[in-house]
Protein backbone atom coordinates (compact mmCIF):
# COMPACT_ATOMS: atom_id res chain seq x y z
CA UNK A 1 -37.10 -58.19 -52.49
CA UNK A 2 -40.41 -57.91 -54.38
CA UNK A 3 -41.83 -55.54 -52.33
CA UNK A 4 -38.20 -53.35 -52.74
CA UNK A 5 -38.58 -53.80 -56.48
CA UNK A 6 -42.59 -52.28 -56.23
CA UNK A 7 -41.31 -49.24 -54.62
CA UNK A 8 -39.06 -49.08 -57.60
CA UNK A 9 -40.98 -49.83 -60.67
CA UNK A 10 -43.87 -47.59 -58.41
CA UNK A 11 -41.15 -44.31 -58.43
CA UNK A 12 -40.57 -45.66 -62.27
CA UNK A 13 -43.87 -45.37 -63.36
CA UNK A 14 -44.68 -42.10 -61.66
CA UNK A 15 -41.65 -40.44 -63.84
CA UNK A 16 -42.41 -41.99 -66.70
CA UNK A 17 -45.80 -41.17 -66.62
CA UNK A 18 -45.21 -37.30 -65.72
CA UNK A 19 -42.84 -36.70 -67.83
CA UNK A 20 -45.57 -37.83 -70.70
CA UNK A 21 -48.25 -35.05 -69.41
CA UNK A 22 -50.28 -37.45 -67.38
CA UNK A 23 -51.87 -35.58 -64.13
CA UNK A 24 -49.57 -35.80 -60.91
CA UNK A 25 -52.66 -37.84 -58.93
CA UNK A 26 -52.98 -39.86 -61.47
CA UNK A 27 -49.92 -40.89 -62.07
CA UNK A 28 -49.33 -41.04 -57.90
CA UNK A 29 -52.31 -43.54 -57.88
CA UNK A 30 -50.60 -45.71 -60.25
CA UNK A 31 -48.01 -45.98 -57.81
CA UNK A 32 -49.77 -46.85 -55.04
CA UNK A 33 -51.64 -49.56 -57.15
CA UNK A 34 -48.43 -51.31 -57.82
CA UNK A 35 -46.92 -51.20 -54.32
CA UNK A 36 -49.98 -53.10 -52.92
CA UNK A 37 -49.86 -55.52 -55.75
CA UNK A 38 -45.72 -56.35 -55.28
CA UNK A 39 -46.66 -55.81 -51.97
CA UNK A 40 -48.97 -58.85 -52.02
CA UNK A 41 -51.73 -56.08 -49.66
CA UNK A 42 -54.87 -58.26 -50.53
CA UNK A 43 -57.90 -56.21 -52.35
CA UNK A 44 -60.00 -55.73 -48.99
CA UNK A 45 -56.70 -54.62 -46.98
CA UNK A 46 -56.15 -52.05 -49.58
CA UNK A 47 -59.12 -50.62 -50.09
CA UNK A 48 -59.52 -50.46 -46.17
CA UNK A 49 -56.00 -48.79 -46.08
CA UNK A 50 -57.05 -46.37 -49.29
CA UNK A 51 -59.65 -45.50 -47.27
CA UNK A 52 -58.40 -44.84 -43.67
CA UNK A 53 -55.24 -42.34 -44.92
CA UNK A 54 -57.74 -40.38 -47.28
CA UNK A 55 -60.06 -39.48 -44.18
CA UNK A 56 -57.60 -39.45 -41.69
CA UNK A 57 -57.27 -35.78 -39.83
CA UNK A 58 -53.68 -35.36 -41.29
CA UNK A 59 -55.48 -35.70 -44.93
CA UNK A 60 -58.61 -33.90 -44.26
CA UNK A 61 -56.27 -30.09 -43.16
CA UNK A 62 -54.63 -30.35 -45.72
CA UNK A 63 -56.83 -31.00 -48.47
CA UNK A 64 -58.69 -27.69 -47.12
CA UNK A 65 -55.27 -25.78 -46.44
CA UNK A 66 -54.63 -26.41 -50.16
CA UNK A 67 -57.79 -25.77 -51.20
CA UNK A 68 -58.15 -22.29 -49.42
CA UNK A 69 -54.69 -20.96 -50.30
CA UNK A 70 -55.11 -21.75 -54.14
CA UNK A 71 -58.58 -19.99 -53.88
CA UNK A 72 -57.35 -17.23 -51.67
CA UNK A 73 -54.27 -16.46 -54.18
CA UNK A 74 -56.55 -16.33 -56.93
CA UNK A 75 -58.82 -14.16 -55.18
CA UNK A 76 -56.01 -11.24 -54.41
CA UNK A 77 -54.82 -11.51 -57.97
CA UNK A 78 -58.76 -11.13 -59.21
CA UNK A 79 -59.47 -8.16 -56.83
CA UNK A 80 -56.11 -6.37 -57.76
CA UNK A 81 -54.83 -6.84 -54.82
CA UNK A 82 -51.81 -8.42 -55.53
CA UNK A 83 -51.53 -5.85 -58.49
CA UNK A 84 -51.15 -2.82 -55.94
CA UNK A 85 -48.90 -4.66 -53.64
CA UNK A 86 -46.55 -5.01 -56.15
CA UNK A 87 -47.06 -1.46 -57.97
CA UNK A 88 -46.55 0.20 -53.99
CA UNK A 89 -43.43 -2.51 -53.67
CA UNK A 90 -41.67 -0.51 -56.88
CA UNK A 91 -42.34 3.05 -55.92
CA UNK A 92 -40.88 2.08 -52.10
CA UNK A 93 -37.65 0.86 -53.10
CA UNK A 94 -35.32 2.72 -55.13
CA UNK A 95 -32.80 0.32 -56.61
CA UNK A 96 -34.34 -1.30 -59.86
CA UNK A 97 -32.33 -4.28 -58.99
CA UNK A 98 -34.29 -5.07 -55.90
CA UNK A 99 -37.39 -4.69 -57.71
CA UNK A 100 -36.28 -7.55 -59.97
CA UNK A 101 -35.87 -9.65 -57.12
CA UNK A 102 -38.37 -9.01 -54.76
CA UNK A 103 -41.33 -8.03 -57.47
CA UNK A 104 -41.67 -11.94 -58.17
CA UNK A 105 -40.56 -12.96 -54.64
CA UNK A 106 -43.59 -11.54 -53.97
CA UNK A 107 -45.93 -13.10 -56.19
CA UNK A 108 -44.58 -16.30 -55.86
CA UNK A 109 -46.14 -15.94 -51.96
CA UNK A 110 -49.71 -16.41 -53.34
CA UNK A 111 -50.45 -19.72 -55.15
CA UNK A 112 -52.37 -19.38 -58.11
CA UNK A 113 -52.06 -20.32 -62.16
CA UNK A 114 -50.01 -18.68 -63.93
CA UNK A 115 -48.23 -16.90 -61.36
CA UNK A 116 -45.19 -16.66 -63.46
CA UNK A 117 -46.86 -15.04 -66.40
CA UNK A 118 -48.01 -12.32 -63.99
CA UNK A 119 -44.77 -11.27 -62.85
CA UNK A 120 -43.03 -11.67 -66.09
CA UNK A 121 -44.30 -8.01 -67.24
CA UNK A 122 -43.25 -6.18 -64.07
CA UNK A 123 -40.25 -8.08 -64.01
CA UNK A 124 -39.64 -6.70 -67.82
CA UNK A 125 -40.99 -2.80 -66.45
CA UNK A 126 -38.87 -3.02 -63.49
CA UNK A 127 -35.36 -3.92 -65.14
CA UNK A 128 -36.11 -1.38 -68.45
CA UNK A 129 -33.29 0.37 -66.87
CA UNK A 130 -30.64 -2.04 -66.30
CA UNK A 131 -28.22 -3.17 -68.41
CA UNK A 132 -29.23 -6.81 -68.43
CA UNK A 133 -30.19 -9.33 -70.70
CA UNK A 134 -33.87 -10.83 -71.11
CA UNK A 135 -32.23 -14.17 -70.09
CA UNK A 136 -30.84 -13.16 -66.74
CA UNK A 137 -34.38 -11.30 -66.38
CA UNK A 138 -35.93 -14.50 -67.04
CA UNK A 139 -33.78 -16.36 -64.74
CA UNK A 140 -34.46 -13.76 -62.04
CA UNK A 141 -38.32 -14.34 -62.74
CA UNK A 142 -38.07 -18.28 -62.20
CA UNK A 143 -35.18 -18.16 -59.42
CA UNK A 144 -36.92 -15.52 -57.16
CA UNK A 145 -40.40 -16.21 -57.42
CA UNK A 146 -39.47 -19.89 -55.81
CA UNK A 147 -36.73 -19.36 -53.06
CA UNK A 148 -39.24 -17.64 -50.60
CA UNK A 149 -40.42 -21.16 -50.27
CA UNK A 150 -37.63 -22.58 -48.59
CA UNK A 151 -39.16 -20.20 -45.56
CA UNK A 152 -42.69 -20.07 -46.58
CA UNK A 153 -44.64 -21.71 -43.81
CA UNK A 154 -47.87 -21.81 -46.37
CA UNK A 155 -46.21 -23.07 -49.25
CA UNK A 156 -48.11 -26.41 -49.96
CA UNK A 157 -45.02 -28.60 -50.33
CA UNK A 158 -43.53 -27.43 -46.82
CA UNK A 159 -47.09 -28.02 -45.30
CA UNK A 160 -46.55 -31.46 -46.90
CA UNK A 161 -42.96 -32.05 -45.75
CA UNK A 162 -44.31 -30.92 -41.85
CA UNK A 163 -47.32 -33.89 -42.31
CA UNK A 164 -44.89 -35.92 -43.17
CA UNK A 165 -42.43 -36.21 -40.41
CA UNK A 166 -44.85 -35.49 -38.05
CA UNK A 167 -43.63 -32.03 -37.33
CA UNK A 168 -44.21 -28.08 -37.22
CA UNK A 169 -43.90 -26.28 -40.56
CA UNK A 170 -41.97 -23.16 -38.74
CA UNK A 171 -39.09 -25.82 -37.71
CA UNK A 172 -38.19 -26.38 -41.29
CA UNK A 173 -38.50 -22.82 -41.88
CA UNK A 174 -35.99 -22.04 -39.42
CA UNK A 175 -33.69 -24.80 -40.69
CA UNK A 176 -33.87 -23.40 -43.79
CA UNK A 177 -32.98 -19.66 -43.08
CA UNK A 178 -29.69 -19.84 -43.13
CA UNK A 179 -29.72 -21.70 -46.90
CA UNK A 180 -32.46 -18.90 -48.08
CA UNK A 181 -29.70 -15.96 -46.91
CA UNK A 182 -26.30 -17.65 -48.42
CA UNK A 183 -29.13 -18.39 -51.78
CA UNK A 184 -30.06 -14.74 -51.99
CA UNK A 185 -26.57 -13.69 -51.73
CA UNK A 186 -25.01 -16.12 -54.40
CA UNK A 187 -28.02 -15.51 -56.97
CA UNK A 188 -27.62 -11.24 -56.53
CA UNK A 189 -23.97 -11.54 -57.54
CA UNK A 190 -24.72 -14.53 -59.91
CA UNK A 191 -27.52 -12.22 -61.69
CA UNK A 192 -26.42 -8.69 -61.44
CA UNK A 193 -22.84 -8.67 -61.09
CA UNK A 194 -22.09 -6.98 -64.02
CA UNK A 195 -24.94 -4.58 -63.69
CA UNK A 196 -25.08 -0.98 -63.07
CA UNK A 197 -27.28 0.24 -60.04
CA UNK A 198 -29.97 1.82 -61.54
CA UNK A 199 -33.01 3.79 -59.70
CA UNK A 200 -36.69 4.69 -60.59
CA UNK A 201 -36.54 7.86 -58.69
CA UNK A 202 -35.84 8.38 -54.73
CA UNK A 203 -38.07 5.56 -52.70
CA UNK A 204 -41.38 7.37 -52.03
CA UNK A 205 -41.63 5.71 -47.82
CA UNK A 206 -45.44 7.22 -47.69
CA UNK A 207 -46.36 4.30 -49.78
CA UNK A 208 -45.56 2.10 -46.80
CA UNK A 209 -48.63 2.01 -45.61
CA UNK A 210 -50.21 1.74 -48.73
CA UNK A 211 -47.80 -1.61 -49.06
CA UNK A 212 -48.92 -2.91 -46.05
CA UNK A 213 -52.41 -2.63 -47.36
CA UNK A 214 -51.52 -4.99 -49.89
CA UNK A 215 -50.11 -7.36 -47.54
CA UNK A 216 -52.47 -7.53 -45.39
CA UNK A 217 -54.54 -10.40 -46.13
CA UNK A 218 -51.69 -12.36 -45.55
CA UNK A 219 -50.41 -11.28 -42.80
CA UNK A 220 -53.63 -11.60 -41.03
CA UNK A 221 -53.86 -15.12 -41.73
CA UNK A 222 -50.18 -15.39 -40.67
CA UNK A 223 -50.95 -13.83 -37.45
CA UNK A 224 -53.74 -15.90 -36.63
CA UNK A 225 -52.51 -19.07 -37.63
CA UNK A 226 -48.64 -18.57 -35.67
CA UNK A 227 -49.44 -15.59 -33.57
CA UNK A 228 -52.88 -17.25 -32.30
CA UNK A 229 -52.22 -20.82 -33.20
CA UNK A 230 -55.81 -21.03 -35.25
CA UNK A 231 -56.61 -23.90 -37.01
CA UNK A 232 -54.83 -23.21 -40.83
CA UNK A 233 -58.14 -23.67 -42.83
CA UNK A 234 -59.73 -21.37 -40.22
CA UNK A 235 -57.38 -18.35 -40.39
CA UNK A 236 -57.42 -18.58 -44.42
CA UNK A 237 -61.13 -18.46 -44.50
CA UNK A 238 -60.81 -15.22 -42.18
CA UNK A 239 -58.12 -13.67 -44.50
CA UNK A 240 -60.49 -14.58 -47.60
CA UNK A 241 -63.60 -12.65 -45.86
CA UNK A 242 -61.44 -10.00 -44.73
CA UNK A 243 -59.96 -9.72 -48.48
CA UNK A 244 -63.61 -10.03 -50.13
CA UNK A 245 -64.14 -6.59 -48.65
CA UNK A 246 -60.77 -4.78 -49.73
CA UNK A 247 -60.32 -2.21 -52.93
CA UNK A 248 -63.87 -2.00 -53.48
CA UNK A 249 -64.29 -0.44 -56.74
CA UNK A 250 -66.32 2.56 -56.38
CA UNK A 251 -69.63 3.42 -58.05
CA UNK A 252 -70.67 0.11 -57.98
CA UNK A 253 -72.86 -1.81 -55.96
CA UNK A 254 -71.66 -4.53 -53.58
CA UNK A 255 -73.44 -7.43 -54.15
CA UNK A 256 -72.76 -7.77 -57.41
CA UNK A 257 -68.61 -6.79 -56.84
CA UNK A 258 -68.99 -10.01 -53.86
CA UNK A 259 -70.33 -12.34 -56.29
CA UNK A 260 -67.54 -12.11 -58.97
CA UNK A 261 -65.07 -12.26 -56.09
CA UNK A 262 -67.10 -15.19 -55.36
CA UNK A 263 -66.15 -17.18 -58.18
CA UNK A 264 -63.28 -16.13 -57.91
CA UNK A 265 -62.25 -18.32 -55.18
CA UNK A 266 -64.42 -20.78 -56.34
CA UNK A 267 -62.00 -20.47 -60.12
CA UNK A 268 -58.69 -20.22 -57.68
CA UNK A 269 -59.22 -23.57 -55.80
CA UNK A 270 -56.94 -26.28 -57.08
CA UNK A 271 -58.95 -29.32 -56.68
CA UNK A 272 -55.91 -31.75 -59.10
CA UNK A 273 -52.81 -30.48 -56.79
CA UNK A 274 -54.99 -30.86 -53.58
CA UNK A 275 -55.34 -34.42 -54.78
CA UNK A 276 -51.93 -35.26 -55.75
CA UNK A 277 -50.66 -33.93 -52.30
CA UNK A 278 -53.73 -36.25 -50.66
CA UNK A 279 -52.56 -39.01 -52.54
CA UNK A 280 -48.77 -38.50 -51.91
CA UNK A 281 -49.67 -38.68 -48.13
CA UNK A 282 -51.71 -42.35 -48.89
CA UNK A 283 -48.69 -43.20 -51.22
CA UNK A 284 -46.49 -43.03 -47.85
CA UNK A 285 -48.66 -45.02 -45.63
CA UNK A 286 -48.70 -48.16 -48.44
CA UNK A 287 -45.04 -47.59 -48.70
CA UNK A 288 -45.00 -48.08 -44.94
CA UNK A 289 -47.36 -51.44 -45.41
CA UNK A 290 -44.80 -52.66 -47.56
CA UNK A 291 -42.41 -52.55 -45.52
CA UNK A 292 -40.02 -52.19 -48.53
CA UNK A 293 -38.39 -48.90 -47.61
CA UNK A 294 -36.73 -50.05 -44.44
CA UNK A 295 -35.48 -52.63 -46.28
CA UNK A 296 -34.02 -50.54 -49.46
CA UNK A 297 -32.56 -47.87 -46.76
CA UNK A 298 -30.99 -50.78 -44.72
CA UNK A 299 -29.61 -52.26 -48.46
CA UNK A 300 -28.33 -49.01 -49.34
CA UNK A 301 -26.56 -48.34 -46.03
CA UNK A 302 -24.68 -51.55 -46.16
CA UNK A 303 -23.71 -51.60 -49.89
CA UNK A 304 -22.14 -48.95 -48.15
CA UNK A 305 -24.06 -45.56 -50.15
CA UNK A 306 -23.92 -42.30 -47.89
CA UNK A 307 -27.32 -41.08 -46.87
CA UNK A 308 -26.49 -37.45 -47.03
CA UNK A 309 -25.55 -38.15 -51.28
CA UNK A 310 -29.05 -39.72 -51.28
CA UNK A 311 -30.18 -37.25 -49.46
CA UNK A 312 -29.07 -34.72 -52.59
CA UNK A 313 -29.02 -36.87 -55.39
CA UNK A 314 -32.61 -38.60 -54.88
CA UNK A 315 -34.76 -35.76 -54.42
CA UNK A 316 -32.92 -33.85 -57.08
CA UNK A 317 -32.89 -36.06 -59.97
CA UNK A 318 -37.17 -36.68 -58.92
CA UNK A 319 -37.68 -32.93 -59.05
CA UNK A 320 -36.03 -32.66 -61.78
CA UNK A 321 -37.67 -35.48 -63.81
CA UNK A 322 -41.37 -34.61 -62.69
CA UNK A 323 -41.27 -31.10 -62.10
CA UNK A 324 -42.90 -30.97 -59.22
CA UNK A 325 -41.79 -30.39 -55.75
CA UNK A 326 -44.59 -32.04 -53.75
CA UNK A 327 -44.02 -35.59 -56.48
CA UNK A 328 -40.22 -35.40 -54.96
CA UNK A 329 -40.98 -35.02 -51.63
CA UNK A 330 -43.47 -37.79 -51.88
CA UNK A 331 -41.30 -40.15 -53.53
CA UNK A 332 -37.70 -39.13 -51.09
CA UNK A 333 -38.64 -38.20 -48.03
CA UNK A 334 -40.33 -41.73 -46.34
CA UNK A 335 -36.94 -43.12 -47.30
CA UNK A 336 -35.16 -41.23 -44.49
CA UNK A 337 -37.92 -41.49 -42.39
CA UNK A 338 -37.41 -45.62 -42.47
CA UNK A 339 -33.39 -45.24 -42.66
CA UNK A 340 -33.14 -42.67 -39.78
CA UNK A 341 -34.11 -43.16 -36.26
CA UNK A 342 -32.96 -40.30 -34.43
CA UNK A 343 -35.26 -37.79 -34.08
CA UNK A 344 -33.18 -34.93 -34.63
CA UNK A 345 -31.23 -36.30 -37.40
CA UNK A 346 -34.10 -37.55 -39.09
CA UNK A 347 -35.39 -33.66 -39.65
CA UNK A 348 -32.15 -32.00 -40.72
CA UNK A 349 -32.22 -35.04 -43.51
CA UNK A 350 -35.52 -34.02 -44.05
CA UNK A 351 -34.63 -30.61 -44.50
CA UNK A 352 -32.05 -31.08 -46.89
CA UNK A 353 -34.05 -33.64 -49.30
CA UNK A 354 -36.61 -30.80 -48.94
CA UNK A 355 -34.06 -27.72 -50.47
CA UNK A 356 -32.43 -30.32 -53.09
CA UNK A 357 -35.94 -31.17 -54.29
CA UNK A 358 -36.80 -27.52 -54.46
CA UNK A 359 -33.48 -27.32 -56.23
CA UNK A 360 -34.36 -29.94 -59.24
CA UNK A 361 -38.22 -28.90 -59.27
CA UNK A 362 -37.58 -25.45 -60.62
CA UNK A 363 -34.80 -26.27 -62.95
CA UNK A 364 -36.94 -29.36 -64.59
CA UNK A 365 -37.54 -28.90 -68.32
CA UNK A 366 -41.19 -29.69 -67.52
CA UNK A 367 -41.55 -26.77 -65.14
CA UNK A 368 -44.04 -24.40 -66.81
CA UNK A 369 -43.22 -21.30 -64.71
CA UNK A 370 -39.91 -21.90 -66.51
CA UNK A 371 -41.14 -22.55 -69.95
CA UNK A 372 -43.59 -19.59 -70.06
CA UNK A 373 -41.40 -17.12 -68.77
CA UNK A 374 -38.80 -18.23 -71.50
CA UNK A 375 -41.49 -17.30 -73.76
CA UNK A 376 -42.73 -13.81 -72.24
CA UNK A 377 -38.69 -12.54 -72.47
CA UNK A 378 -38.05 -14.22 -75.72
CA UNK A 379 -35.18 -15.88 -74.29
CA UNK A 380 -33.71 -19.23 -75.25
CA UNK A 381 -35.39 -21.59 -73.09
CA UNK A 382 -31.57 -23.91 -72.92
CA UNK A 383 -29.78 -20.95 -71.98
CA UNK A 384 -32.47 -20.03 -68.88
CA UNK A 385 -32.62 -23.69 -68.03
CA UNK A 386 -28.67 -23.76 -67.45
CA UNK A 387 -28.65 -20.60 -65.54
CA UNK A 388 -31.21 -21.82 -63.09
CA UNK A 389 -29.88 -25.22 -62.48
CA UNK A 390 -26.30 -23.56 -62.14
CA UNK A 391 -28.03 -21.47 -59.47
CA UNK A 392 -30.25 -24.81 -58.24
CA UNK A 393 -26.81 -26.93 -58.09
CA UNK A 394 -25.22 -23.95 -55.90
CA UNK A 395 -28.46 -24.52 -53.85
CA UNK A 396 -27.78 -27.75 -52.90
CA UNK A 397 -24.28 -27.66 -52.50
CA UNK A 398 -24.90 -25.30 -49.60
CA UNK A 399 -27.82 -27.01 -48.22
CA UNK A 400 -25.72 -29.83 -47.81
CA UNK A 401 -22.57 -28.18 -46.54
CA UNK A 402 -25.38 -26.47 -44.01
CA UNK A 403 -26.26 -29.95 -42.75
CA UNK A 404 -22.87 -31.32 -41.88
CA UNK A 405 -22.56 -28.05 -39.81
CA UNK A 406 -25.91 -27.81 -38.02
CA UNK A 407 -25.40 -31.56 -37.27
CA UNK A 408 -21.80 -31.37 -35.46
CA UNK A 409 -22.81 -27.49 -33.95
CA UNK A 410 -26.66 -27.99 -32.85
């Protein structure tokens, strides 16, 4: 019982500290300490377990992946690659509504700080020819920026989930595919239901090769990692080298350009995110060591609490409170790893947890993308958040319905 109280105290501490602006990796470190104390794990064993978790192959792989992906995203931003990609997309698409939807989605595929601020002016320009409120433009920028995370195998939280479950991330991407299709349709009608089509001229399909060139660094990584099974950090490194030499400025020597781009890589590496995600893996190991999760799961089930209800509410609320998808997964996923023994059913539960935690995270009042986007568009923050959370609740509901269907059919 004391170990269960420790888990509850640790989760409460993570939520409270996160809501007060403490760095996520520090809040998780505090949670680890609380679990160790309440579970009466001896100091020597605590240090040993912490070291083993930090140096495990899965933690090393995840560290390299997160650092390299965030650096890669910043490189594409600094070199103008991302700007060119978005500009070419706007030239190919005819309907401005499609531009408002796809521009933030494309920007969202690349993890770099301030991504919502980067896409907001482009969404504003694309929406200039539409009879749409600035609130709905802000909602579009936030929602469509994050929705592809449901199936994007290079998203850090998706990679974390795969490591927690010991499963290839493509399994979860396939599971989430019907949800993302349904949600795109629902979000389209929710945002654009009363917005007439407006075109920016005929689509210039001659720009498709240039669009593919802008997308080619990411395509290269996907091909190497998924098509050829290359070690993920190695495939990202090759994509980085390729991107370093793409779109070189004319009339300028190569060495200073490469030096600037090298600094862009260094600045883009998100060490805080890397530490947070690795500490989540450590937190999971301490939870397993305590034995509290299995006891908590058994207690909840014997009290008649449906697991599927917990799989929606617990991750949704923790994502909403912490404003972090990774933290929500780190707190929620281990419970279902302990509570569900049948492997296939366990993965379906984890997929539902992933979707619900994403929905809560996107609608969180601590979510900087929402705050910065509302500020850019001059839209009322409460109205923007209300619409985002309506869509998020709808997405979680779709995932729950799909959970029942897929478990019965497959």
